[in-house]
Amino acid sequence: MTTRVPRIVSLLPSATEIVCALGLAGSLVGVTHECDYPSGVARLPQLTASRISHQGMSSAEIDHAVRSQLDGHGCIYDLDEARLRALAPDVILTQELCDVCAVSYRTVRQAARRLDADVTVVSLEPATIADILANIVTVGELTGRGAQADSLVSALRARLDALEASLSGVPRRPRTMVLEWLEPPFAPGHWVPQQVGVAGGDPGFGTSGEVSRTTTAEEISAYAPEVIVLAPCGFYAVDTLRELPRARLPAGWPELPAVRDGNVWALDATSYLSRPGPRVVDGAEILARILHPEVLGPPEDRHALRVPPELMHV
C-alpha cells in the first residue's frame, strides 16, 4: 500500500528548503516570491508579494517602511488567495514567528478556511538550532518522509559536533558581533548566537532563543567586538556591500577593535543565517572560517567577503 504524497504549498523560504532536502521538490505546488533555493523552485507559482519595494531603498528607509506598516496593524505581504485555491494544496507550511519574514499566520489561516477542501496548516516556530532540527522532523512526519528527515537531522547534528570538536583546542574565542540590520543596528537573536558559539566565537552579543533587537552605539562599544559580521536579514553579501556606503553606522565605529584590525565581514545572511533550515549548519561552518581561519582556512568569497574600510561611514 502506498501513501499519497501531499500537495504542498510553502509560504516560507526555509520550509521550501526543508521540503526539497527531504526529496519532495516534486510535491511543491506553490511558493513565495522570495523562494530561490534550491535551483528551480523560483519557477513554481508564487503566492506572495511584498507591499514594500526594497529596490533603491536604504536600510534606514526599509526599516521605517516596515515599522510604519506594522505599527498601523497592517502587514507587509499580500497572499494570492485565488491562486492558492486553484492549486488545491493538502498542506500549507507557514509561520507565526515574524511578520517581517513572511505573510502573517492570521492571513494564511483565514485563507485556508475559505478553501473548498480540507487543508492542513502547519506553523513552524523555530527559536533555536534544536527547534530547526525538530521542524525538519515535523515536516518529514507530515509528508511521509520521516526516515529521510531522521537521516538528514542526524547528518546535520554530526556536522555540528564535528565543527565543535575541530575547534575544541582553540586558545581563545573572539568577541563576535553579528549585526542583523545596518541602520538601525540590530543585535542577533534566535539561533544566530548559537551559530557563533558553535563556530568558536563568543556568543555574548545578542540573545539566543529570543527575538533580534535594536542595539546602541554604547552597547556595541562596551562589547568591543574583535570580529564584526554584517548579516542584514534577507541580504546577500553583495547586497550588504552595495548598501553600506549609504548606511550611517553607530558612533565610535572606527575605534572598534574589529574595524581597526580590518576584521569586518559581509556574510550571505539570506542563505546561511536568516532562514531556519538545513543551511544554518553551513552558516556555522562559514562563521568558523571567519573566526578561525588558522584551523579551517578562510571562507570562500561566495559565502563571505571582507569589508573594505572605505565603505563604512559613521
Protein backbone atom coordinates (compact mmCIF):
# COMPACT_ATOMS: atom_id res chain seq x y z
CA MET A 1 0.00 0.00 0.00
CA THR A 2 1.40 3.40 -0.97
CA THR A 3 0.70 6.67 0.77
CA ARG A 4 -0.18 9.59 -1.45
CA VAL A 5 2.34 12.39 -1.15
CA PRO A 6 0.51 15.61 -0.26
CA ARG A 7 0.40 18.68 -2.47
CA ILE A 8 2.48 21.20 -0.56
CA VAL A 9 2.40 24.99 -0.51
CA SER A 10 5.34 26.59 1.26
CA LEU A 11 4.93 30.16 2.45
CA LEU A 12 8.45 30.22 3.91
CA PRO A 13 11.75 30.06 2.01
CA SER A 14 13.18 27.92 4.83
CA ALA A 15 10.26 25.48 4.61
CA THR A 16 10.80 25.26 0.87
CA GLU A 17 14.41 24.28 1.53
CA ILE A 18 13.35 21.66 4.07
CA VAL A 19 10.79 20.14 1.71
CA CYS A 20 13.36 19.90 -1.08
CA ALA A 21 16.03 18.49 1.25
CA LEU A 22 13.58 15.66 2.01
CA GLY A 23 13.28 14.84 -1.69
CA LEU A 24 9.83 16.38 -2.09
CA ALA A 25 10.53 19.12 -4.62
CA GLY A 26 8.08 17.47 -6.98
CA SER A 27 5.31 17.81 -4.40
CA LEU A 28 5.68 21.58 -4.10
CA VAL A 29 2.85 23.29 -5.96
CA GLY A 30 3.33 26.86 -4.71
CA VAL A 31 5.97 29.01 -3.00
CA THR A 32 6.69 32.62 -2.04
CA HIS A 33 8.23 35.37 -4.14
CA GLU A 34 11.39 35.01 -2.01
CA CYS A 35 11.92 31.28 -2.50
CA ASP A 36 15.09 30.97 -4.55
CA TYR A 37 16.76 27.79 -3.31
CA PRO A 38 17.31 25.13 -4.44
CA SER A 39 17.57 25.85 -8.14
CA GLY A 40 14.24 25.59 -9.92
CA VAL A 41 11.81 26.47 -7.12
CA ALA A 42 11.52 30.06 -8.34
CA ARG A 43 9.72 28.73 -11.42
CA LEU A 44 6.85 27.44 -9.30
CA PRO A 45 3.67 29.52 -8.85
CA GLN A 46 4.39 32.37 -6.44
CA LEU A 47 1.67 33.11 -3.92
CA THR A 48 3.02 36.19 -2.13
CA ALA A 49 4.19 39.69 -2.95
CA SER A 50 5.73 42.43 -0.83
CA ARG A 51 3.93 45.73 -0.31
CA ILE A 52 7.30 47.42 0.14
CA SER A 53 9.61 47.84 -2.83
CA HIS A 54 13.10 47.30 -1.42
CA GLN A 55 14.89 48.19 -4.62
CA GLY A 56 16.57 51.56 -4.32
CA MET A 57 15.75 51.92 -0.61
CA SER A 58 18.38 52.29 2.08
CA SER A 59 18.35 50.06 5.17
CA ALA A 60 17.02 53.01 7.20
CA GLU A 61 14.23 53.58 4.68
CA ILE A 62 13.29 49.89 4.65
CA ASP A 63 13.20 49.82 8.46
CA HIS A 64 10.95 52.90 8.53
CA ALA A 65 8.59 51.47 5.89
CA VAL A 66 8.28 48.15 7.71
CA ARG A 67 7.69 49.77 11.10
CA SER A 68 5.11 52.16 9.66
CA GLN A 69 3.18 49.32 8.06
CA LEU A 70 3.24 47.08 11.13
CA ASP A 71 2.62 49.87 13.62
CA GLY A 72 -0.55 50.62 11.67
CA HIS A 73 -1.53 46.97 12.30
CA GLY A 74 -1.11 46.15 8.64
CA CYS A 75 1.11 43.55 7.05
CA ILE A 76 3.85 43.85 4.50
CA TYR A 77 2.94 40.86 2.32
CA ASP A 78 -0.05 40.03 0.16
CA LEU A 79 -1.31 36.48 -0.34
CA ASP A 80 -2.85 35.48 -3.69
CA GLU A 81 -5.87 33.61 -2.40
CA ALA A 82 -7.31 32.89 -5.84
CA ARG A 83 -4.12 31.16 -6.95
CA LEU A 84 -3.91 29.33 -3.62
CA ARG A 85 -7.42 27.98 -4.13
CA ALA A 86 -6.61 26.88 -7.68
CA LEU A 87 -3.54 24.97 -6.50
CA ALA A 88 -5.67 22.91 -4.09
CA PRO A 89 -2.94 22.14 -1.54
CA ASP A 90 -3.21 19.45 1.09
CA VAL A 91 -0.59 21.09 3.31
CA ILE A 92 0.38 24.72 3.83
CA LEU A 93 3.65 25.43 5.65
CA THR A 94 3.79 28.84 7.30
CA GLN A 95 4.93 30.61 10.50
CA GLU A 96 3.87 32.92 13.33
CA LEU A 97 7.39 33.87 14.38
CA CYS A 98 7.87 37.14 12.50
CA ASP A 99 5.53 39.35 10.46
CA VAL A 100 8.59 40.82 8.74
CA CYS A 101 9.74 37.41 7.49
CA ALA A 102 6.60 36.08 5.82
CA VAL A 103 2.89 36.58 5.24
CA SER A 104 1.07 36.65 8.57
CA TYR A 105 -0.26 33.43 10.09
CA ARG A 106 -3.66 35.03 10.60
CA THR A 107 -3.91 35.79 6.88
CA VAL A 108 -2.97 32.22 6.00
CA ARG A 109 -5.48 30.71 8.43
CA GLN A 110 -8.27 32.89 7.09
CA ALA A 111 -7.42 31.92 3.51
CA ALA A 112 -7.28 28.23 4.41
CA ARG A 113 -10.74 28.36 5.95
CA ARG A 114 -12.09 29.67 2.65
CA LEU A 115 -10.68 26.79 0.61
CA ASP A 116 -13.14 24.24 -0.74
CA ALA A 117 -11.22 21.22 0.56
CA ASP A 118 -9.63 20.25 3.85
CA VAL A 119 -6.11 21.57 4.19
CA THR A 120 -3.59 21.20 7.00
CA VAL A 121 -1.90 24.46 8.02
CA VAL A 122 1.36 23.90 9.88
CA SER A 123 3.12 26.77 11.65
CA LEU A 124 6.87 26.30 12.04
CA GLU A 125 8.19 28.28 15.02
CA PRO A 126 11.93 27.74 15.48
CA ALA A 127 13.83 29.85 18.00
CA THR A 128 16.96 27.70 18.33
CA ILE A 129 19.02 25.26 16.28
CA ALA A 130 17.32 22.39 18.12
CA ASP A 131 13.94 23.81 17.05
CA ILE A 132 15.07 23.95 13.43
CA LEU A 133 16.07 20.31 13.51
CA ALA A 134 12.75 19.44 15.19
CA ASN A 135 10.91 21.28 12.40
CA ILE A 136 12.65 19.10 9.83
CA VAL A 137 11.37 16.04 11.66
CA THR A 138 7.87 17.54 11.81
CA VAL A 139 7.78 18.19 8.07
CA GLY A 140 9.10 14.68 7.44
CA GLU A 141 6.41 13.07 9.57
CA LEU A 142 3.71 15.19 7.97
CA THR A 143 4.72 14.24 4.43
CA GLY A 144 5.54 10.58 4.87
CA ARG A 145 9.31 11.21 4.83
CA GLY A 146 10.06 10.51 8.47
CA ALA A 147 13.04 8.25 7.75
CA GLN A 148 14.59 10.80 5.40
CA ALA A 149 14.06 13.55 7.97
CA ASP A 150 15.73 11.50 10.71
CA SER A 151 18.68 10.80 8.41
CA LEU A 152 19.03 14.47 7.47
CA VAL A 153 18.88 15.61 11.09
CA SER A 154 21.48 13.02 12.10
CA ALA A 155 23.81 14.26 9.36
CA LEU A 156 23.35 17.89 10.38
CA ARG A 157 24.00 17.09 14.05
CA ALA A 158 27.12 15.16 13.08
CA ARG A 159 28.44 18.18 11.19
CA LEU A 160 27.82 20.46 14.17
CA ASP A 161 29.54 18.01 16.50
CA ALA A 162 32.50 17.72 14.13
CA LEU A 163 32.81 21.50 13.90
CA GLU A 164 32.82 21.90 17.68
CA ALA A 165 35.37 19.10 18.01
CA SER A 166 37.68 20.71 15.44
CA LEU A 167 37.67 23.93 17.47
CA SER A 168 37.88 22.42 20.93
CA GLY A 169 41.56 23.26 21.22
CA VAL A 170 41.48 26.89 20.07
CA PRO A 171 43.09 29.08 22.74
CA ARG A 172 40.51 31.88 22.60
CA ARG A 173 37.05 32.74 21.36
CA PRO A 174 36.98 36.20 19.78
CA ARG A 175 34.24 38.62 20.76
CA THR A 176 31.94 38.34 17.74
CA MET A 177 29.25 40.84 16.82
CA VAL A 178 26.74 39.81 14.18
CA LEU A 179 24.50 42.67 13.06
CA GLU A 180 21.16 41.60 11.64
CA TRP A 181 20.42 45.08 10.31
CA LEU A 182 22.62 48.07 9.50
CA GLU A 183 20.54 51.16 10.26
CA PRO A 184 19.33 50.96 12.92
CA PRO A 185 21.75 48.26 14.07
CA PHE A 186 20.14 45.04 15.30
CA ALA A 187 21.72 42.60 17.74
CA PRO A 188 21.08 38.97 16.75
CA GLY A 189 18.62 36.59 18.34
CA HIS A 190 17.08 33.18 17.80
CA TRP A 191 19.68 30.65 16.56
CA VAL A 192 22.39 33.11 15.42
CA PRO A 193 24.21 33.42 18.79
CA GLN A 194 24.26 29.62 18.87
CA GLN A 195 25.84 29.56 15.41
CA VAL A 196 28.53 31.93 16.71
CA GLY A 197 29.18 29.71 19.72
CA VAL A 198 29.44 26.53 17.65
CA ALA A 199 31.81 28.40 15.31
CA GLY A 200 34.24 29.12 18.12
CA GLY A 201 33.25 32.69 18.88
CA ASP A 202 31.99 34.45 21.97
CA PRO A 203 28.18 34.49 21.63
CA GLY A 204 27.64 37.22 24.22
CA PHE A 205 26.35 39.85 21.81
CA GLY A 206 22.67 39.09 21.28
CA THR A 207 20.37 36.62 22.98
CA SER A 208 19.91 33.01 21.92
CA GLY A 209 16.31 31.93 21.57
CA GLU A 210 14.93 35.47 21.73
CA VAL A 211 13.97 37.93 19.01
CA SER A 212 16.62 40.15 17.49
CA ARG A 213 16.52 43.73 18.79
CA THR A 214 17.87 47.17 18.13
CA THR A 215 21.17 47.89 19.81
CA THR A 216 23.07 51.09 20.56
CA ALA A 217 26.49 52.60 19.93
CA GLU A 218 27.12 52.40 23.67
CA GLU A 219 26.33 48.69 23.85
CA ILE A 220 28.49 47.99 20.81
CA SER A 221 31.42 49.98 22.19
CA ALA A 222 31.14 48.25 25.56
CA TYR A 223 31.28 44.84 23.89
CA ALA A 224 34.33 45.94 21.84
CA PRO A 225 33.94 43.27 19.15
CA GLU A 226 37.08 41.70 17.75
CA VAL A 227 35.18 40.35 14.74
CA ILE A 228 32.16 42.01 13.11
CA VAL A 229 29.87 40.10 10.76
CA LEU A 230 27.38 42.22 8.83
CA ALA A 231 24.44 39.98 8.04
CA PRO A 232 21.28 42.04 7.47
CA CYS A 233 18.24 39.79 7.42
CA GLY A 234 17.33 38.92 3.85
CA PHE A 235 20.55 40.33 2.36
CA TYR A 236 23.18 38.54 0.34
CA ALA A 237 26.79 39.65 0.94
CA VAL A 238 26.82 41.72 -2.25
CA ASP A 239 23.61 43.47 -1.12
CA THR A 240 25.31 44.47 2.12
CA LEU A 241 28.36 45.85 0.33
CA ARG A 242 26.10 47.82 -2.01
CA GLU A 243 24.10 49.28 0.88
CA LEU A 244 27.00 50.08 3.23
CA PRO A 245 28.05 53.42 1.69
CA ARG A 246 24.53 54.76 2.33
CA ALA A 247 24.24 53.43 5.87
CA ARG A 248 25.12 55.53 8.88
CA LEU A 249 26.94 53.22 11.24
CA PRO A 250 26.93 53.75 15.05
CA ALA A 251 29.12 56.39 16.67
CA GLY A 252 32.51 55.07 17.70
CA TRP A 253 32.61 52.57 14.85
CA PRO A 254 36.18 53.41 13.66
CA GLU A 255 37.52 52.77 17.18
CA LEU A 256 36.14 49.24 17.48
CA PRO A 257 38.89 46.58 17.59
CA ALA A 258 37.42 44.68 14.64
CA VAL A 259 37.33 47.81 12.48
CA ARG A 260 40.86 48.85 13.44
CA ASP A 261 42.15 45.36 12.61
CA GLY A 262 40.28 45.04 9.31
CA ASN A 263 38.19 42.17 10.63
CA VAL A 264 34.74 43.21 9.36
CA TRP A 265 32.91 40.76 7.11
CA ALA A 266 29.76 40.73 4.99
CA LEU A 267 28.11 37.32 5.09
CA ASP A 268 25.42 35.84 2.88
CA ALA A 269 22.75 36.09 5.55
CA THR A 270 19.84 35.10 3.33
CA SER A 271 21.26 31.66 2.73
CA TYR A 272 23.10 30.89 5.95
CA LEU A 273 21.73 32.89 8.90
CA SER A 274 18.26 34.30 8.20
CA ARG A 275 16.50 31.14 7.07
CA PRO A 276 15.87 28.45 9.70
CA GLY A 277 16.56 25.46 7.50
CA PRO A 278 19.32 22.93 6.87
CA ARG A 279 21.79 25.60 5.74
CA VAL A 280 22.12 27.09 9.23
CA VAL A 281 24.78 24.41 9.66
CA ASP A 282 26.58 25.79 6.62
CA GLY A 283 26.30 29.18 8.30
CA ALA A 284 28.05 27.94 11.43
CA GLU A 285 30.80 26.44 9.28
CA ILE A 286 31.26 29.72 7.40
CA LEU A 287 31.39 31.69 10.65
CA ALA A 288 34.04 29.27 11.90
CA ARG A 289 36.18 30.02 8.85
CA ILE A 290 35.84 33.74 9.54
CA LEU A 291 36.73 33.32 13.21
CA HIS A 292 39.38 30.61 12.96
CA PRO A 293 40.97 30.58 9.50
CA GLU A 294 44.15 29.22 11.11
CA VAL A 295 42.26 25.99 11.78
CA LEU A 296 39.78 25.70 8.93
CA GLY A 297 41.06 28.07 6.26
CA PRO A 298 39.36 31.33 5.19
CA PRO A 299 35.78 31.45 3.88
CA GLU A 300 35.09 31.38 0.17
CA ASP A 301 34.12 34.69 -1.44
CA ARG A 302 30.72 33.30 -2.41
CA HIS A 303 29.96 32.90 1.29
CA ALA A 304 31.57 35.93 2.98
CA LEU A 305 33.57 38.96 1.92
CA ARG A 306 35.95 41.12 3.93
CA VAL A 307 34.54 44.67 4.02
CA PRO A 308 36.76 47.42 2.57
CA PRO A 309 37.15 50.24 5.15
CA GLU A 310 36.16 52.91 2.62
CA LEU A 311 32.61 51.51 2.50
CA MET A 312 31.94 52.14 6.21
CA HIS A 313 30.78 55.59 7.33
CA VAL A 314 29.60 56.94 10.69
